[in-house]
């Protein structure tokens, strides 16, 4: 059975402890088919419930419900817990916790006759298997769309034309870092102008110090290596930039966009210093070699092709993300129907 949602899993651990160790640790034992979940602290917010596939030990931060199999199907119990957020059962104290009596009171009187349980479980099992397959396909398609764009991006810059040359960034742009002004949050005045940092907009402020097109490049932060968000991004209009992003001005927008795409296609690890706080200083930034056509028209042609592919990739990504969201909503709807007598 494919269990629904990233927040859940079938627990089938291979690790084990001896009975003596269990006694020393004071670990509780739950039989196969029990539903376990965190009962104290921030772990409650993870909303993770597990249907255990074999007899298991847990520490005193975990609560479990052992089904009476003569009265309740263990999978139905698991599905029932899936419909609810664990925070519903937690108190509002400084350290959230779930009391046994709260769960017991909640479970009383909610279980239909066993044949009806089995009917519901059969429907949910089949539906969730189908949803799991559709979700896996959508996630794979999303990865494929992004991988296709990355592959094309790499090929554009490795299969260079005859009239391409290699220039360092300081040869084709003007660095405006000296004009940046950081403003701490407690003294910033809210307004309509974007306030940019290393990974994009961090706030909106009442004034601006730059006007026009520019390329911002992350100067520091873990994202320089992780690349979970863009490290180079074009900006335009009126805006403010703090000292966590380099700001480069180009004579032509086509050149700026070309450099932006190129920086997205390469790793910058060799130009970055610092382990605890990665940093791309101005000297290292200026030394990055950029393979680029000598003709601005050729630069624009490359950029236009990449922009079209980027737009199509984004369209497909949005499509698959919407599908994933719809599948998640379908799971919630099925669970609601199952326990309201509408399935």
C-alpha atoms as a PDB file:
ATOM      1  CA  UNK A   1       0.000   0.000   0.000  1.00  0.00           C
ATOM      2  CA  UNK A   2       1.257   3.479  -0.850  1.00  0.00           C
ATOM      3  CA  UNK A   3       0.588   5.665   2.144  1.00  0.00           C
ATOM      4  CA  UNK A   4      -0.531   9.208   1.352  1.00  0.00           C
ATOM      5  CA  UNK A   5       1.542  12.316   1.839  1.00  0.00           C
ATOM      6  CA  UNK A   6       5.119  13.196   2.667  1.00  0.00           C
ATOM      7  CA  UNK A   7       4.068  13.708   6.278  1.00  0.00           C
ATOM      8  CA  UNK A   8       3.384   9.982   6.712  1.00  0.00           C
ATOM      9  CA  UNK A   9       5.243   6.763   6.237  1.00  0.00           C
ATOM     10  CA  UNK A  10       5.042   3.044   6.808  1.00  0.00           C
ATOM     11  CA  UNK A  11       7.634   2.367   9.484  1.00  0.00           C
ATOM     12  CA  UNK A  12       9.584  -0.828   8.796  1.00  0.00           C
ATOM     13  CA  UNK A  13      12.861  -0.237  10.612  1.00  0.00           C
ATOM     14  CA  UNK A  14      15.651  -2.817  10.500  1.00  0.00           C
ATOM     15  CA  UNK A  15      17.363  -1.417  13.619  1.00  0.00           C
ATOM     16  CA  UNK A  16      16.591  -3.158  16.886  1.00  0.00           C
ATOM     17  CA  UNK A  17      17.539  -3.134  20.564  1.00  0.00           C
ATOM     18  CA  UNK A  18      17.721  -5.877  23.179  1.00  0.00           C
ATOM     19  CA  UNK A  19      15.102  -6.357  25.871  1.00  0.00           C
ATOM     20  CA  UNK A  20      17.658  -5.281  28.491  1.00  0.00           C
ATOM     21  CA  UNK A  21      18.371  -2.066  26.609  1.00  0.00           C
ATOM     22  CA  UNK A  22      14.643  -1.435  26.249  1.00  0.00           C
ATOM     23  CA  UNK A  23      14.200  -1.714  30.037  1.00  0.00           C
ATOM     24  CA  UNK A  24      17.169   0.558  30.722  1.00  0.00           C
ATOM     25  CA  UNK A  25      15.851   3.213  28.334  1.00  0.00           C
ATOM     26  CA  UNK A  26      12.297   2.844  29.562  1.00  0.00           C
ATOM     27  CA  UNK A  27      11.131   2.462  25.960  1.00  0.00           C
ATOM     28  CA  UNK A  28       7.477   1.623  25.400  1.00  0.00           C
ATOM     29  CA  UNK A  29       6.610  -1.282  23.093  1.00  0.00           C
ATOM     30  CA  UNK A  30       3.866  -1.170  20.485  1.00  0.00           C
ATOM     31  CA  UNK A  31       2.742  -4.124  18.353  1.00  0.00           C
ATOM     32  CA  UNK A  32       2.523  -4.204  14.581  1.00  0.00           C
ATOM     33  CA  UNK A  33      -0.453  -2.217  13.317  1.00  0.00           C
ATOM     34  CA  UNK A  34      -0.227   0.509  15.971  1.00  0.00           C
ATOM     35  CA  UNK A  35      -0.314   4.173  14.997  1.00  0.00           C
ATOM     36  CA  UNK A  36       2.423   6.256  16.627  1.00  0.00           C
ATOM     37  CA  UNK A  37       3.097   9.992  16.595  1.00  0.00           C
ATOM     38  CA  UNK A  38       5.078  12.647  18.534  1.00  0.00           C
ATOM     39  CA  UNK A  39       3.385  13.863  21.701  1.00  0.00           C
ATOM     40  CA  UNK A  40       5.607  16.651  22.998  1.00  0.00           C
ATOM     41  CA  UNK A  41       7.468  19.736  21.806  1.00  0.00           C
ATOM     42  CA  UNK A  42       8.110  21.039  18.330  1.00  0.00           C
ATOM     43  CA  UNK A  43       7.914  17.543  16.842  1.00  0.00           C
ATOM     44  CA  UNK A  44       4.110  17.790  17.073  1.00  0.00           C
ATOM     45  CA  UNK A  45       4.202  20.445  14.338  1.00  0.00           C
ATOM     46  CA  UNK A  46       5.716  17.932  11.882  1.00  0.00           C
ATOM     47  CA  UNK A  47       2.306  16.221  11.960  1.00  0.00           C
ATOM     48  CA  UNK A  48       3.996  12.898  11.222  1.00  0.00           C
ATOM     49  CA  UNK A  49       2.025   9.740  11.936  1.00  0.00           C
ATOM     50  CA  UNK A  50       3.331   6.245  11.359  1.00  0.00           C
ATOM     51  CA  UNK A  51       1.610   2.904  10.908  1.00  0.00           C
ATOM     52  CA  UNK A  52       4.240   0.507  12.207  1.00  0.00           C
ATOM     53  CA  UNK A  53       4.894  -2.671  10.234  1.00  0.00           C
ATOM     54  CA  UNK A  54       6.379  -4.680  13.105  1.00  0.00           C
ATOM     55  CA  UNK A  55       6.606  -4.665  16.916  1.00  0.00           C
ATOM     56  CA  UNK A  56       8.548  -1.523  17.809  1.00  0.00           C
ATOM     57  CA  UNK A  57      10.008   0.407  20.735  1.00  0.00           C
ATOM     58  CA  UNK A  58       9.583   4.155  21.166  1.00  0.00           C
ATOM     59  CA  UNK A  59      10.825   6.644  23.739  1.00  0.00           C
ATOM     60  CA  UNK A  60       8.622   8.735  26.033  1.00  0.00           C
ATOM     61  CA  UNK A  61       8.331  11.549  23.476  1.00  0.00           C
ATOM     62  CA  UNK A  62       6.089   9.351  21.330  1.00  0.00           C
ATOM     63  CA  UNK A  63       2.482   8.292  21.850  1.00  0.00           C
ATOM     64  CA  UNK A  64       0.844   5.275  20.278  1.00  0.00           C
ATOM     65  CA  UNK A  65      -2.640   3.905  19.728  1.00  0.00           C
ATOM     66  CA  UNK A  66      -3.006   0.105  19.661  1.00  0.00           C
ATOM     67  CA  UNK A  67      -6.113  -0.953  17.741  1.00  0.00           C
ATOM     68  CA  UNK A  68      -8.373  -3.724  19.001  1.00  0.00           C
ATOM     69  CA  UNK A  69      -8.361  -5.665  15.722  1.00  0.00           C
ATOM     70  CA  UNK A  70     -11.686  -7.328  16.594  1.00  0.00           C
ATOM     71  CA  UNK A  71     -13.282  -3.877  16.501  1.00  0.00           C
ATOM     72  CA  UNK A  72     -11.144  -1.656  14.290  1.00  0.00           C
ATOM     73  CA  UNK A  73      -9.014  -2.080  11.185  1.00  0.00           C
ATOM     74  CA  UNK A  74      -5.505  -0.694  11.875  1.00  0.00           C
ATOM     75  CA  UNK A  75      -5.372   0.947   8.450  1.00  0.00           C
ATOM     76  CA  UNK A  76      -8.670   2.713   9.070  1.00  0.00           C
ATOM     77  CA  UNK A  77      -7.256   4.005  12.357  1.00  0.00           C
ATOM     78  CA  UNK A  78      -4.229   5.303  10.489  1.00  0.00           C
ATOM     79  CA  UNK A  79      -6.386   6.978   7.836  1.00  0.00           C
ATOM     80  CA  UNK A  80      -8.483   8.490  10.610  1.00  0.00           C
ATOM     81  CA  UNK A  81      -5.417  10.093  12.151  1.00  0.00           C
ATOM     82  CA  UNK A  82      -4.353  11.334   8.727  1.00  0.00           C
ATOM     83  CA  UNK A  83      -7.477  13.446   8.494  1.00  0.00           C
ATOM     84  CA  UNK A  84      -6.453  15.481  11.542  1.00  0.00           C
ATOM     85  CA  UNK A  85      -3.571  17.746  12.468  1.00  0.00           C
ATOM     86  CA  UNK A  86      -1.793  16.688  15.657  1.00  0.00           C
ATOM     87  CA  UNK A  87      -1.825  20.282  16.868  1.00  0.00           C
ATOM     88  CA  UNK A  88      -5.609  19.862  17.350  1.00  0.00           C
ATOM     89  CA  UNK A  89      -4.867  17.660  20.378  1.00  0.00           C
ATOM     90  CA  UNK A  90      -1.976  19.663  21.850  1.00  0.00           C
ATOM     91  CA  UNK A  91      -2.364  22.049  24.766  1.00  0.00           C
ATOM     92  CA  UNK A  92      -1.409  25.718  24.454  1.00  0.00           C
ATOM     93  CA  UNK A  93       1.355  25.624  27.054  1.00  0.00           C
ATOM     94  CA  UNK A  94       4.893  26.895  26.415  1.00  0.00           C
ATOM     95  CA  UNK A  95       5.936  23.313  25.588  1.00  0.00           C
ATOM     96  CA  UNK A  96       3.127  21.771  23.518  1.00  0.00           C
ATOM     97  CA  UNK A  97       2.103  18.248  24.536  1.00  0.00           C
ATOM     98  CA  UNK A  98      -0.672  15.767  23.788  1.00  0.00           C
ATOM     99  CA  UNK A  99      -2.442  14.019  26.658  1.00  0.00           C
ATOM    100  CA  UNK A 100      -3.561  10.418  26.483  1.00  0.00           C
ATOM    101  CA  UNK A 101      -7.042  11.320  27.744  1.00  0.00           C
ATOM    102  CA  UNK A 102      -7.491  13.884  24.954  1.00  0.00           C
ATOM    103  CA  UNK A 103      -6.861  11.236  22.296  1.00  0.00           C
ATOM    104  CA  UNK A 104      -9.049   8.662  24.081  1.00  0.00           C
ATOM    105  CA  UNK A 105     -11.976  11.087  24.332  1.00  0.00           C
ATOM    106  CA  UNK A 106     -11.583  11.953  20.650  1.00  0.00           C
ATOM    107  CA  UNK A 107     -11.642   8.290  19.560  1.00  0.00           C
ATOM    108  CA  UNK A 108     -14.824   7.359  21.454  1.00  0.00           C
ATOM    109  CA  UNK A 109     -17.827   6.720  19.239  1.00  0.00           C
ATOM    110  CA  UNK A 110     -16.147   7.364  15.894  1.00  0.00           C
ATOM    111  CA  UNK A 111     -15.705   3.819  14.635  1.00  0.00           C
ATOM    112  CA  UNK A 112     -18.254   2.343  12.192  1.00  0.00           C
ATOM    113  CA  UNK A 113     -18.990  -1.431  12.088  1.00  0.00           C
ATOM    114  CA  UNK A 114     -16.071  -3.599  10.920  1.00  0.00           C
ATOM    115  CA  UNK A 115     -17.547  -4.470   7.469  1.00  0.00           C
ATOM    116  CA  UNK A 116     -18.016  -0.732   6.784  1.00  0.00           C
ATOM    117  CA  UNK A 117     -14.454  -0.091   7.941  1.00  0.00           C
ATOM    118  CA  UNK A 118     -13.143  -2.676   5.499  1.00  0.00           C
ATOM    119  CA  UNK A 119     -15.182  -1.151   2.680  1.00  0.00           C
ATOM    120  CA  UNK A 120     -13.788   2.320   3.420  1.00  0.00           C
ATOM    121  CA  UNK A 121     -10.236   1.015   3.703  1.00  0.00           C
ATOM    122  CA  UNK A 122     -10.540  -0.798   0.370  1.00  0.00           C
ATOM    123  CA  UNK A 123     -11.676   2.376  -1.371  1.00  0.00           C
ATOM    124  CA  UNK A 124      -8.999   4.522   0.264  1.00  0.00           C
ATOM    125  CA  UNK A 125      -6.222   2.002  -0.426  1.00  0.00           C
ATOM    126  CA  UNK A 126      -7.072   1.886  -4.110  1.00  0.00           C
ATOM    127  CA  UNK A 127      -7.506   5.654  -4.372  1.00  0.00           C
ATOM    128  CA  UNK A 128      -4.280   6.472  -2.544  1.00  0.00           C
ATOM    129  CA  UNK A 129      -2.331   3.964  -4.624  1.00  0.00           C
ATOM    130  CA  UNK A 130      -3.547   5.771  -7.746  1.00  0.00           C
ATOM    131  CA  UNK A 131      -2.802   9.191  -6.242  1.00  0.00           C
ATOM    132  CA  UNK A 132       0.691   8.049  -5.224  1.00  0.00           C
ATOM    133  CA  UNK A 133       1.398   6.922  -8.800  1.00  0.00           C
ATOM    134  CA  UNK A 134       0.067  10.185 -10.244  1.00  0.00           C
ATOM    135  CA  UNK A 135       2.094  12.193  -7.719  1.00  0.00           C
ATOM    136  CA  UNK A 136       5.295  10.301  -8.552  1.00  0.00           C
ATOM    137  CA  UNK A 137       4.689  10.892 -12.268  1.00  0.00           C
ATOM    138  CA  UNK A 138       4.071  14.614 -11.758  1.00  0.00           C
ATOM    139  CA  UNK A 139       7.177  14.972  -9.588  1.00  0.00           C
ATOM    140  CA  UNK A 140       9.257  13.133 -12.192  1.00  0.00           C
ATOM    141  CA  UNK A 141       7.867  15.287 -14.996  1.00  0.00           C
ATOM    142  CA  UNK A 142       8.701  18.395 -12.964  1.00  0.00           C
ATOM    143  CA  UNK A 143      12.267  17.182 -12.510  1.00  0.00           C
ATOM    144  CA  UNK A 144      12.518  16.279 -16.204  1.00  0.00           C
ATOM    145  CA  UNK A 145      11.376  19.753 -17.308  1.00  0.00           C
ATOM    146  CA  UNK A 146      13.977  21.432 -15.121  1.00  0.00           C
ATOM    147  CA  UNK A 147      16.692  18.974 -16.141  1.00  0.00           C
ATOM    148  CA  UNK A 148      15.943  19.603 -19.822  1.00  0.00           C
ATOM    149  CA  UNK A 149      16.404  23.343 -19.363  1.00  0.00           C
ATOM    150  CA  UNK A 150      19.643  22.839 -17.404  1.00  0.00           C
ATOM    151  CA  UNK A 151      20.948  20.492 -20.090  1.00  0.00           C
ATOM    152  CA  UNK A 152      20.184  22.980 -22.859  1.00  0.00           C
ATOM    153  CA  UNK A 153      21.726  25.794 -20.829  1.00  0.00           C
ATOM    154  CA  UNK A 154      24.938  23.788 -20.472  1.00  0.00           C
ATOM    155  CA  UNK A 155      25.067  22.945 -24.178  1.00  0.00           C
ATOM    156  CA  UNK A 156      24.672  26.597 -25.241  1.00  0.00           C
ATOM    157  CA  UNK A 157      27.801  27.642 -23.365  1.00  0.00           C
ATOM    158  CA  UNK A 158      29.917  24.567 -24.134  1.00  0.00           C
ATOM    159  CA  UNK A 159      29.214  24.573 -27.897  1.00  0.00           C
ATOM    160  CA  UNK A 160      30.493  28.078 -28.551  1.00  0.00           C
ATOM    161  CA  UNK A 161      30.422  29.816 -31.899  1.00  0.00           C
ATOM    162  CA  UNK A 162      33.425  30.989 -33.924  1.00  0.00           C
ATOM    163  CA  UNK A 163      33.095  34.643 -32.910  1.00  0.00           C
ATOM    164  CA  UNK A 164      33.061  34.032 -29.188  1.00  0.00           C
ATOM    165  CA  UNK A 165      35.730  35.474 -26.907  1.00  0.00           C
ATOM    166  CA  UNK A 166      36.521  35.109 -23.219  1.00  0.00           C
ATOM    167  CA  UNK A 167      36.138  38.203 -21.057  1.00  0.00           C
ATOM    168  CA  UNK A 168      36.276  38.663 -17.307  1.00  0.00           C
ATOM    169  CA  UNK A 169      33.327  40.355 -15.638  1.00  0.00           C
ATOM    170  CA  UNK A 170      35.223  43.565 -14.921  1.00  0.00           C
ATOM    171  CA  UNK A 171      35.948  43.888 -18.677  1.00  0.00           C
ATOM    172  CA  UNK A 172      32.292  43.879 -19.703  1.00  0.00           C
ATOM    173  CA  UNK A 173      30.542  45.520 -16.738  1.00  0.00           C
ATOM    174  CA  UNK A 174      30.837  48.340 -14.216  1.00  0.00           C
ATOM    175  CA  UNK A 175      30.741  47.400 -10.537  1.00  0.00           C
ATOM    176  CA  UNK A 176      28.557  49.693  -8.420  1.00  0.00           C
ATOM    177  CA  UNK A 177      29.174  48.041  -5.045  1.00  0.00           C
ATOM    178  CA  UNK A 178      30.532  51.277  -3.583  1.00  0.00           C
ATOM    179  CA  UNK A 179      27.076  52.857  -3.962  1.00  0.00           C
ATOM    180  CA  UNK A 180      25.269  50.198  -1.911  1.00  0.00           C
ATOM    181  CA  UNK A 181      23.814  51.205   1.449  1.00  0.00           C
ATOM    182  CA  UNK A 182      22.601  48.602   3.964  1.00  0.00           C
ATOM    183  CA  UNK A 183      19.749  49.598   6.290  1.00  0.00           C
ATOM    184  CA  UNK A 184      18.864  47.505   9.324  1.00  0.00           C
ATOM    185  CA  UNK A 185      15.237  46.480   9.600  1.00  0.00           C
ATOM    186  CA  UNK A 186      14.475  48.606  12.653  1.00  0.00           C
ATOM    187  CA  UNK A 187      15.383  51.832  10.824  1.00  0.00           C
ATOM    188  CA  UNK A 188      13.945  51.048   7.387  1.00  0.00           C
ATOM    189  CA  UNK A 189      10.884  53.016   6.321  1.00  0.00           C
ATOM    190  CA  UNK A 190       8.296  50.925   4.516  1.00  0.00           C
ATOM    191  CA  UNK A 191       7.448  51.930   0.976  1.00  0.00           C
ATOM    192  CA  UNK A 192       7.015  50.757  -2.607  1.00  0.00           C
ATOM    193  CA  UNK A 193      10.655  50.297  -3.699  1.00  0.00           C
ATOM    194  CA  UNK A 194      12.236  46.793  -3.583  1.00  0.00           C
ATOM    195  CA  UNK A 195      15.060  46.332  -1.093  1.00  0.00           C
ATOM    196  CA  UNK A 196      17.355  43.606  -2.470  1.00  0.00           C
ATOM    197  CA  UNK A 197      19.697  41.256  -0.650  1.00  0.00           C
ATOM    198  CA  UNK A 198      21.746  38.222  -1.651  1.00  0.00           C
ATOM    199  CA  UNK A 199      18.799  36.113  -2.814  1.00  0.00           C
ATOM    200  CA  UNK A 200      16.241  38.669  -3.986  1.00  0.00           C
ATOM    201  CA  UNK A 201      13.771  41.070  -2.438  1.00  0.00           C
ATOM    202  CA  UNK A 202      13.884  41.140   1.361  1.00  0.00           C
ATOM    203  CA  UNK A 203      11.692  44.196   1.960  1.00  0.00           C
ATOM    204  CA  UNK A 204      10.088  47.279   0.409  1.00  0.00           C
ATOM    205  CA  UNK A 205      11.343  50.725   1.394  1.00  0.00           C
ATOM    206  CA  UNK A 206      10.299  54.360   0.972  1.00  0.00           C
ATOM    207  CA  UNK A 207      13.372  55.488  -1.012  1.00  0.00           C
ATOM    208  CA  UNK A 208      15.698  54.160  -3.706  1.00  0.00           C
ATOM    209  CA  UNK A 209      19.387  54.533  -4.595  1.00  0.00           C
ATOM    210  CA  UNK A 210      19.469  52.784  -8.001  1.00  0.00           C
ATOM    211  CA  UNK A 211      17.407  53.354 -11.108  1.00  0.00           C
ATOM    212  CA  UNK A 212      17.575  51.254 -14.275  1.00  0.00           C
ATOM    213  CA  UNK A 213      18.729  47.786 -15.327  1.00  0.00           C
ATOM    214  CA  UNK A 214      21.411  45.926 -13.385  1.00  0.00           C
ATOM    215  CA  UNK A 215      22.548  42.401 -12.552  1.00  0.00           C
ATOM    216  CA  UNK A 216      22.688  41.491  -8.868  1.00  0.00           C
ATOM    217  CA  UNK A 217      24.991  38.660  -7.796  1.00  0.00           C
ATOM    218  CA  UNK A 218      25.043  37.107  -4.318  1.00  0.00           C
ATOM    219  CA  UNK A 219      28.063  38.200  -2.319  1.00  0.00           C
ATOM    220  CA  UNK A 220      27.696  35.902   0.664  1.00  0.00           C
ATOM    221  CA  UNK A 221      25.552  33.212   2.240  1.00  0.00           C
ATOM    222  CA  UNK A 222      25.123  29.437   2.064  1.00  0.00           C
ATOM    223  CA  UNK A 223      23.080  29.765  -1.117  1.00  0.00           C
ATOM    224  CA  UNK A 224      26.264  30.523  -3.069  1.00  0.00           C
ATOM    225  CA  UNK A 225      27.011  26.816  -2.756  1.00  0.00           C
ATOM    226  CA  UNK A 226      23.536  25.336  -2.267  1.00  0.00           C
ATOM    227  CA  UNK A 227      21.990  27.237  -5.209  1.00  0.00           C
ATOM    228  CA  UNK A 228      18.471  26.669  -3.900  1.00  0.00           C
ATOM    229  CA  UNK A 229      17.587  30.145  -5.213  1.00  0.00           C
ATOM    230  CA  UNK A 230      19.256  32.118  -8.055  1.00  0.00           C
ATOM    231  CA  UNK A 231      22.618  33.695  -7.229  1.00  0.00           C
ATOM    232  CA  UNK A 232      22.389  36.061 -10.233  1.00  0.00           C
ATOM    233  CA  UNK A 233      19.203  37.942 -11.086  1.00  0.00           C
ATOM    234  CA  UNK A 234      18.338  40.953 -13.229  1.00  0.00           C
ATOM    235  CA  UNK A 235      16.562  43.963 -11.706  1.00  0.00           C
ATOM    236  CA  UNK A 236      15.121  47.120 -13.222  1.00  0.00           C
ATOM    237  CA  UNK A 237      13.279  50.308 -12.239  1.00  0.00           C
ATOM    238  CA  UNK A 238      13.937  51.997  -8.896  1.00  0.00           C
ATOM    239  CA  UNK A 239      15.304  49.933  -6.009  1.00  0.00           C
ATOM    240  CA  UNK A 240      17.689  49.724  -3.061  1.00  0.00           C
ATOM    241  CA  UNK A 241      20.502  47.141  -2.660  1.00  0.00           C
ATOM    242  CA  UNK A 242      22.196  46.149   0.592  1.00  0.00           C
ATOM    243  CA  UNK A 243      25.793  44.930   0.905  1.00  0.00           C
ATOM    244  CA  UNK A 244      24.954  41.246   0.470  1.00  0.00           C
ATOM    245  CA  UNK A 245      24.608  41.497  -3.315  1.00  0.00           C
ATOM    246  CA  UNK A 246      27.085  42.790  -5.895  1.00  0.00           C
ATOM    247  CA  UNK A 247      25.551  45.165  -8.419  1.00  0.00           C
ATOM    248  CA  UNK A 248      26.825  45.202 -12.015  1.00  0.00           C
ATOM    249  CA  UNK A 249      25.867  47.627 -14.761  1.00  0.00           C
ATOM    250  CA  UNK A 250      26.171  46.675 -18.451  1.00  0.00           C
ATOM    251  CA  UNK A 251      26.073  48.805 -21.586  1.00  0.00           C
ATOM    252  CA  UNK A 252      23.521  46.487 -23.216  1.00  0.00           C
ATOM    253  CA  UNK A 253      20.659  44.556 -21.629  1.00  0.00           C
ATOM    254  CA  UNK A 254      21.414  41.598 -23.918  1.00  0.00           C
ATOM    255  CA  UNK A 255      24.921  41.352 -22.412  1.00  0.00           C
ATOM    256  CA  UNK A 256      23.501  41.528 -18.898  1.00  0.00           C
ATOM    257  CA  UNK A 257      20.998  38.752 -19.542  1.00  0.00           C
ATOM    258  CA  UNK A 258      23.646  36.650 -21.301  1.00  0.00           C
ATOM    259  CA  UNK A 259      25.920  36.876 -18.252  1.00  0.00           C
ATOM    260  CA  UNK A 260      22.989  36.081 -15.953  1.00  0.00           C
ATOM    261  CA  UNK A 261      22.212  32.871 -17.853  1.00  0.00           C
ATOM    262  CA  UNK A 262      25.879  31.915 -17.957  1.00  0.00           C
ATOM    263  CA  UNK A 263      26.359  32.337 -14.195  1.00  0.00           C
ATOM    264  CA  UNK A 264      23.312  30.138 -13.648  1.00  0.00           C
ATOM    265  CA  UNK A 265      24.958  27.409 -15.738  1.00  0.00           C
ATOM    266  CA  UNK A 266      28.256  27.137 -13.826  1.00  0.00           C
ATOM    267  CA  UNK A 267      29.442  26.398 -10.302  1.00  0.00           C
ATOM    268  CA  UNK A 268      31.230  29.203  -8.503  1.00  0.00           C
ATOM    269  CA  UNK A 269      32.845  27.051  -5.801  1.00  0.00           C
ATOM    270  CA  UNK A 270      36.444  27.854  -6.872  1.00  0.00           C
ATOM    271  CA  UNK A 271      35.771  31.593  -6.511  1.00  0.00           C
ATOM    272  CA  UNK A 272      34.129  31.324  -3.086  1.00  0.00           C
ATOM    273  CA  UNK A 273      35.975  31.646   0.227  1.00  0.00           C
ATOM    274  CA  UNK A 274      34.878  30.800   3.746  1.00  0.00           C
ATOM    275  CA  UNK A 275      33.313  27.576   5.011  1.00  0.00           C
ATOM    276  CA  UNK A 276      31.043  28.799   7.818  1.00  0.00           C
ATOM    277  CA  UNK A 277      30.011  31.879   5.810  1.00  0.00           C
ATOM    278  CA  UNK A 278      30.657  31.437   2.059  1.00  0.00           C
ATOM    279  CA  UNK A 279      31.649  34.679   0.350  1.00  0.00           C
ATOM    280  CA  UNK A 280      32.216  35.769  -3.247  1.00  0.00           C
ATOM    281  CA  UNK A 281      34.313  38.907  -2.892  1.00  0.00           C
ATOM    282  CA  UNK A 282      34.617  41.571  -5.566  1.00  0.00           C
ATOM    283  CA  UNK A 283      38.108  40.534  -6.646  1.00  0.00           C
ATOM    284  CA  UNK A 284      37.007  36.931  -7.195  1.00  0.00           C
ATOM    285  CA  UNK A 285      33.847  38.085  -8.958  1.00  0.00           C
ATOM    286  CA  UNK A 286      35.843  40.250 -11.362  1.00  0.00           C
ATOM    287  CA  UNK A 287      38.083  37.311 -12.256  1.00  0.00           C
ATOM    288  CA  UNK A 288      35.276  35.021 -13.470  1.00  0.00           C
ATOM    289  CA  UNK A 289      35.839  34.373 -17.205  1.00  0.00           C
ATOM    290  CA  UNK A 290      32.737  34.757 -19.380  1.00  0.00           C
ATOM    291  CA  UNK A 291      32.632  33.136 -22.846  1.00  0.00           C
ATOM    292  CA  UNK A 292      30.596  35.581 -24.924  1.00  0.00           C
ATOM    293  CA  UNK A 293      29.881  36.400 -28.581  1.00  0.00           C
ATOM    294  CA  UNK A 294      31.597  39.587 -29.776  1.00  0.00           C
ATOM    295  CA  UNK A 295      28.359  40.701 -31.436  1.00  0.00           C
ATOM    296  CA  UNK A 296      25.580  42.090 -29.250  1.00  0.00           C
ATOM    297  CA  UNK A 297      23.099  40.785 -31.843  1.00  0.00           C
ATOM    298  CA  UNK A 298      24.435  37.254 -31.345  1.00  0.00           C
ATOM    299  CA  UNK A 299      24.245  37.693 -27.586  1.00  0.00           C
ATOM    300  CA  UNK A 300      20.597  38.761 -27.951  1.00  0.00           C
ATOM    301  CA  UNK A 301      19.864  35.745 -30.163  1.00  0.00           C
ATOM    302  CA  UNK A 302      21.234  33.360 -27.521  1.00  0.00           C
ATOM    303  CA  UNK A 303      19.331  35.154 -24.769  1.00  0.00           C
ATOM    304  CA  UNK A 304      16.039  35.096 -26.722  1.00  0.00           C
ATOM    305  CA  UNK A 305      16.315  31.345 -27.221  1.00  0.00           C
ATOM    306  CA  UNK A 306      17.059  30.731 -23.560  1.00  0.00           C
ATOM    307  CA  UNK A 307      14.236  33.018 -22.424  1.00  0.00           C
ATOM    308  CA  UNK A 308      11.720  31.137 -24.587  1.00  0.00           C
ATOM    309  CA  UNK A 309      12.867  27.809 -23.155  1.00  0.00           C
ATOM    310  CA  UNK A 310      12.864  29.234 -19.615  1.00  0.00           C
ATOM    311  CA  UNK A 311       9.277  30.443 -20.075  1.00  0.00           C
ATOM    312  CA  UNK A 312       8.172  27.045 -21.347  1.00  0.00           C
ATOM    313  CA  UNK A 313       9.983  25.313 -18.478  1.00  0.00           C
ATOM    314  CA  UNK A 314       8.247  27.615 -15.993  1.00  0.00           C
ATOM    315  CA  UNK A 315       4.888  26.947 -17.638  1.00  0.00           C
ATOM    316  CA  UNK A 316       5.405  23.199 -17.314  1.00  0.00           C
ATOM    317  CA  UNK A 317       6.670  23.571 -13.743  1.00  0.00           C
ATOM    318  CA  UNK A 318       3.565  25.571 -12.799  1.00  0.00           C
ATOM    319  CA  UNK A 319       1.372  22.945 -14.469  1.00  0.00           C
ATOM    320  CA  UNK A 320       2.944  20.070 -12.541  1.00  0.00           C
ATOM    321  CA  UNK A 321       2.970  22.029  -9.266  1.00  0.00           C
ATOM    322  CA  UNK A 322      -0.745  22.733  -9.700  1.00  0.00           C
ATOM    323  CA  UNK A 323      -1.316  19.043 -10.366  1.00  0.00           C
ATOM    324  CA  UNK A 324       0.579  18.105  -7.199  1.00  0.00           C
ATOM    325  CA  UNK A 325      -1.469  20.606  -5.197  1.00  0.00           C
ATOM    326  CA  UNK A 326      -4.691  19.203  -6.691  1.00  0.00           C
ATOM    327  CA  UNK A 327      -3.668  15.642  -5.812  1.00  0.00           C
ATOM    328  CA  UNK A 328      -2.950  16.734  -2.249  1.00  0.00           C
ATOM    329  CA  UNK A 329      -6.377  18.359  -2.018  1.00  0.00           C
ATOM    330  CA  UNK A 330      -7.942  15.184  -3.428  1.00  0.00           C
ATOM    331  CA  UNK A 331      -6.375  13.152  -0.615  1.00  0.00           C
ATOM    332  CA  UNK A 332      -7.805  15.533   1.972  1.00  0.00           C
ATOM    333  CA  UNK A 333     -11.216  15.434   0.313  1.00  0.00           C
ATOM    334  CA  UNK A 334     -11.281  11.627   0.247  1.00  0.00           C
ATOM    335  CA  UNK A 335     -10.399  11.441   3.928  1.00  0.00           C
ATOM    336  CA  UNK A 336     -13.105  13.952   4.825  1.00  0.00           C
ATOM    337  CA  UNK A 337     -15.665  11.985   2.815  1.00  0.00           C
ATOM    338  CA  UNK A 338     -14.550   8.695   4.346  1.00  0.00           C
ATOM    339  CA  UNK A 339     -15.235   9.849   7.887  1.00  0.00           C
ATOM    340  CA  UNK A 340     -18.367  11.845   7.215  1.00  0.00           C
ATOM    341  CA  UNK A 341     -20.315   8.949   5.676  1.00  0.00           C
ATOM    342  CA  UNK A 342     -20.095  10.343   2.132  1.00  0.00           C
ATOM    343  CA  UNK A 343     -17.599   7.900   0.585  1.00  0.00           C
END
